[in-house]
Amino acid sequence: MLTFFSKILVAYDGSELAEKALKTALKLAMQDKHIELHIVFVVKPMPRLDKMEVETRRVWDLRKVRAQRMLEDVKASVEGMGNQVIVSALEGQPGTKLVEYAAHTGIDLIVMGCRGLSGLKELFLGSVSHYVVQHSRVPAFIVK
């Protein structure tokens, strides 16, 4: 089957929208067994609190362990699909890390959920999906 994409990145954080994005990416990837599926979770950095540094580090470590377990569960759930599946846990600002990962690994489609931020909320808070759409050099498929 002729497909346009050979490497698909799905941004995953365990949320309902991330689950929908994963299902969409799986449907796209299953068109051809040669399509690689990259499932990426980005652990956002925590603010450094000098007086609570030990507790902050403990919370940070727990977040990383949670991300790794979540990715292991997701990889196990898609193991039988026949495509190559690569899971990665990254640390940093999610939008930036997703765009960098896509550029460095030759991703040609990014699939992710939309948080639904709009208007003033988006102006002040920003949005990972908005950042990716604006900065990625490859198409982004935003799932609602």
Protein backbone atom coordinates (compact mmCIF):
# COMPACT_ATOMS: atom_id res chain seq x y z
CA MET A 1 0.00 0.00 0.00
CA LEU A 2 1.28 3.45 -0.88
CA THR A 3 1.51 5.77 2.12
CA PHE A 4 2.74 9.31 2.58
CA PHE A 5 4.38 8.73 5.94
CA SER A 6 7.13 6.38 7.06
CA LYS A 7 7.71 7.63 10.63
CA ILE A 8 4.85 8.81 12.82
CA LEU A 9 5.35 10.47 16.20
CA VAL A 10 2.49 10.41 18.68
CA ALA A 11 2.73 12.68 21.72
CA TYR A 12 1.48 10.70 24.69
CA ASP A 13 0.78 11.71 28.29
CA GLY A 14 -1.91 9.25 29.33
CA SER A 15 -4.76 11.75 28.97
CA GLU A 16 -8.02 11.02 27.16
CA LEU A 17 -6.93 13.12 24.18
CA ALA A 18 -3.55 11.39 24.08
CA GLU A 19 -5.37 8.03 23.97
CA LYS A 20 -7.43 9.27 21.01
CA ALA A 21 -4.25 10.50 19.31
CA LEU A 22 -2.60 7.12 19.88
CA LYS A 23 -5.58 5.29 18.35
CA THR A 24 -5.45 7.60 15.33
CA ALA A 25 -1.69 7.08 14.93
CA LEU A 26 -2.17 3.30 15.19
CA LYS A 27 -4.76 3.37 12.39
CA LEU A 28 -2.38 5.34 10.21
CA ALA A 29 0.61 3.14 10.99
CA MET A 30 -1.28 -0.10 10.35
CA GLN A 31 -1.70 0.89 6.69
CA ASP A 32 1.82 -0.39 6.08
CA LYS A 33 4.06 -2.59 8.25
CA HIS A 34 7.07 -0.45 7.27
CA ILE A 35 5.75 2.63 9.08
CA GLU A 36 7.59 3.28 12.35
CA LEU A 37 5.53 4.51 15.28
CA HIS A 38 7.31 6.70 17.83
CA ILE A 39 5.42 7.18 21.10
CA VAL A 40 6.91 10.08 23.07
CA PHE A 41 6.17 11.32 26.57
CA VAL A 42 7.78 14.59 27.66
CA VAL A 43 8.25 15.17 31.38
CA LYS A 44 7.94 18.89 31.92
CA PRO A 45 10.55 20.38 34.28
CA MET A 46 9.54 21.46 37.74
CA PRO A 47 10.42 24.87 39.16
CA ARG A 48 13.46 24.76 41.41
CA LEU A 49 12.59 25.50 44.98
CA ASP A 50 15.81 25.88 46.97
CA LYS A 51 14.27 25.24 50.38
CA MET A 52 12.43 22.19 49.13
CA GLU A 53 15.06 20.85 46.74
CA VAL A 54 15.10 17.31 48.18
CA GLU A 55 11.30 17.03 47.98
CA THR A 56 11.26 18.58 44.49
CA ARG A 57 13.85 16.04 43.31
CA ARG A 58 11.80 13.18 44.81
CA VAL A 59 8.66 14.36 42.98
CA TRP A 60 10.66 14.79 39.76
CA ASP A 61 12.04 11.23 40.06
CA LEU A 62 8.54 9.87 40.65
CA ARG A 63 7.25 11.69 37.57
CA LYS A 64 10.00 10.16 35.44
CA VAL A 65 9.27 6.66 36.79
CA ARG A 66 5.55 7.16 36.12
CA ALA A 67 6.29 8.26 32.54
CA GLN A 68 8.53 5.23 31.93
CA ARG A 69 5.91 2.80 33.31
CA MET A 70 3.18 4.42 31.23
CA LEU A 71 5.28 4.07 28.08
CA GLU A 72 6.11 0.44 28.88
CA ASP A 73 2.37 -0.29 29.27
CA VAL A 74 1.58 1.46 25.99
CA LYS A 75 4.35 -0.39 24.15
CA ALA A 76 3.08 -3.71 25.51
CA SER A 77 -0.45 -2.87 24.35
CA VAL A 78 0.68 -2.27 20.73
CA GLU A 79 3.30 -5.01 20.59
CA GLY A 80 1.39 -7.31 18.24
CA MET A 81 0.67 -4.75 15.54
CA GLY A 82 3.67 -5.73 13.41
CA ASN A 83 5.15 -2.26 13.00
CA GLN A 84 8.32 -1.10 14.68
CA VAL A 85 7.35 0.82 17.84
CA ILE A 86 9.82 3.10 19.59
CA VAL A 87 8.96 4.66 22.94
CA SER A 88 10.85 7.57 24.46
CA ALA A 89 10.58 9.60 27.64
CA LEU A 90 12.14 13.04 27.25
CA GLU A 91 12.70 15.84 29.73
CA GLY A 92 12.02 19.50 28.97
CA GLN A 93 9.42 21.81 27.51
CA PRO A 94 6.99 19.50 25.67
CA GLY A 95 6.48 21.55 22.50
CA THR A 96 10.17 22.19 22.01
CA LYS A 97 11.17 18.59 22.73
CA LEU A 98 8.56 17.15 20.36
CA VAL A 99 9.65 19.42 17.50
CA GLU A 100 13.35 18.64 18.17
CA TYR A 101 12.66 14.89 18.36
CA ALA A 102 10.76 14.99 15.07
CA ALA A 103 13.61 16.85 13.35
CA HIS A 104 16.37 14.59 14.72
CA THR A 105 14.67 11.27 13.96
CA GLY A 106 13.21 11.97 10.52
CA ILE A 107 9.58 11.99 11.64
CA ASP A 108 7.24 12.94 8.81
CA LEU A 109 3.96 13.23 10.75
CA ILE A 110 3.17 14.27 14.32
CA VAL A 111 -0.13 13.14 15.86
CA MET A 112 -1.25 14.70 19.13
CA GLY A 113 -4.27 15.73 21.13
CA CYS A 114 -5.49 19.30 21.42
CA ARG A 115 -6.06 20.59 24.93
CA GLY A 116 -8.78 22.94 23.77
CA LEU A 117 -7.17 26.15 25.01
CA SER A 118 -8.36 29.18 23.07
CA GLY A 119 -8.70 32.92 23.25
CA LEU A 120 -7.06 34.60 26.25
CA LYS A 121 -6.12 31.30 27.89
CA GLU A 122 -3.99 30.35 24.91
CA LEU A 123 -2.46 33.82 24.76
CA PHE A 124 -1.33 33.67 28.39
CA LEU A 125 -0.70 29.97 28.98
CA GLY A 126 0.43 28.76 25.60
CA SER A 127 -0.37 25.35 24.21
CA VAL A 128 1.85 22.43 23.31
CA SER A 129 -0.20 21.59 20.24
CA HIS A 130 -0.19 25.22 19.12
CA TYR A 131 3.60 25.38 19.53
CA VAL A 132 4.09 22.17 17.55
CA VAL A 133 1.84 23.34 14.70
CA GLN A 134 3.69 26.66 14.52
CA HIS A 135 7.26 25.32 14.77
CA SER A 136 7.28 21.84 13.25
CA ARG A 137 8.64 21.37 9.75
CA VAL A 138 6.38 18.35 9.23
CA PRO A 139 2.58 18.09 9.23
CA ALA A 140 0.81 17.85 12.57
CA PHE A 141 -2.47 15.95 12.93
CA ILE A 142 -4.34 17.42 15.91
CA VAL A 143 -6.99 15.15 17.44
CA LYS A 144 -9.99 16.60 19.27
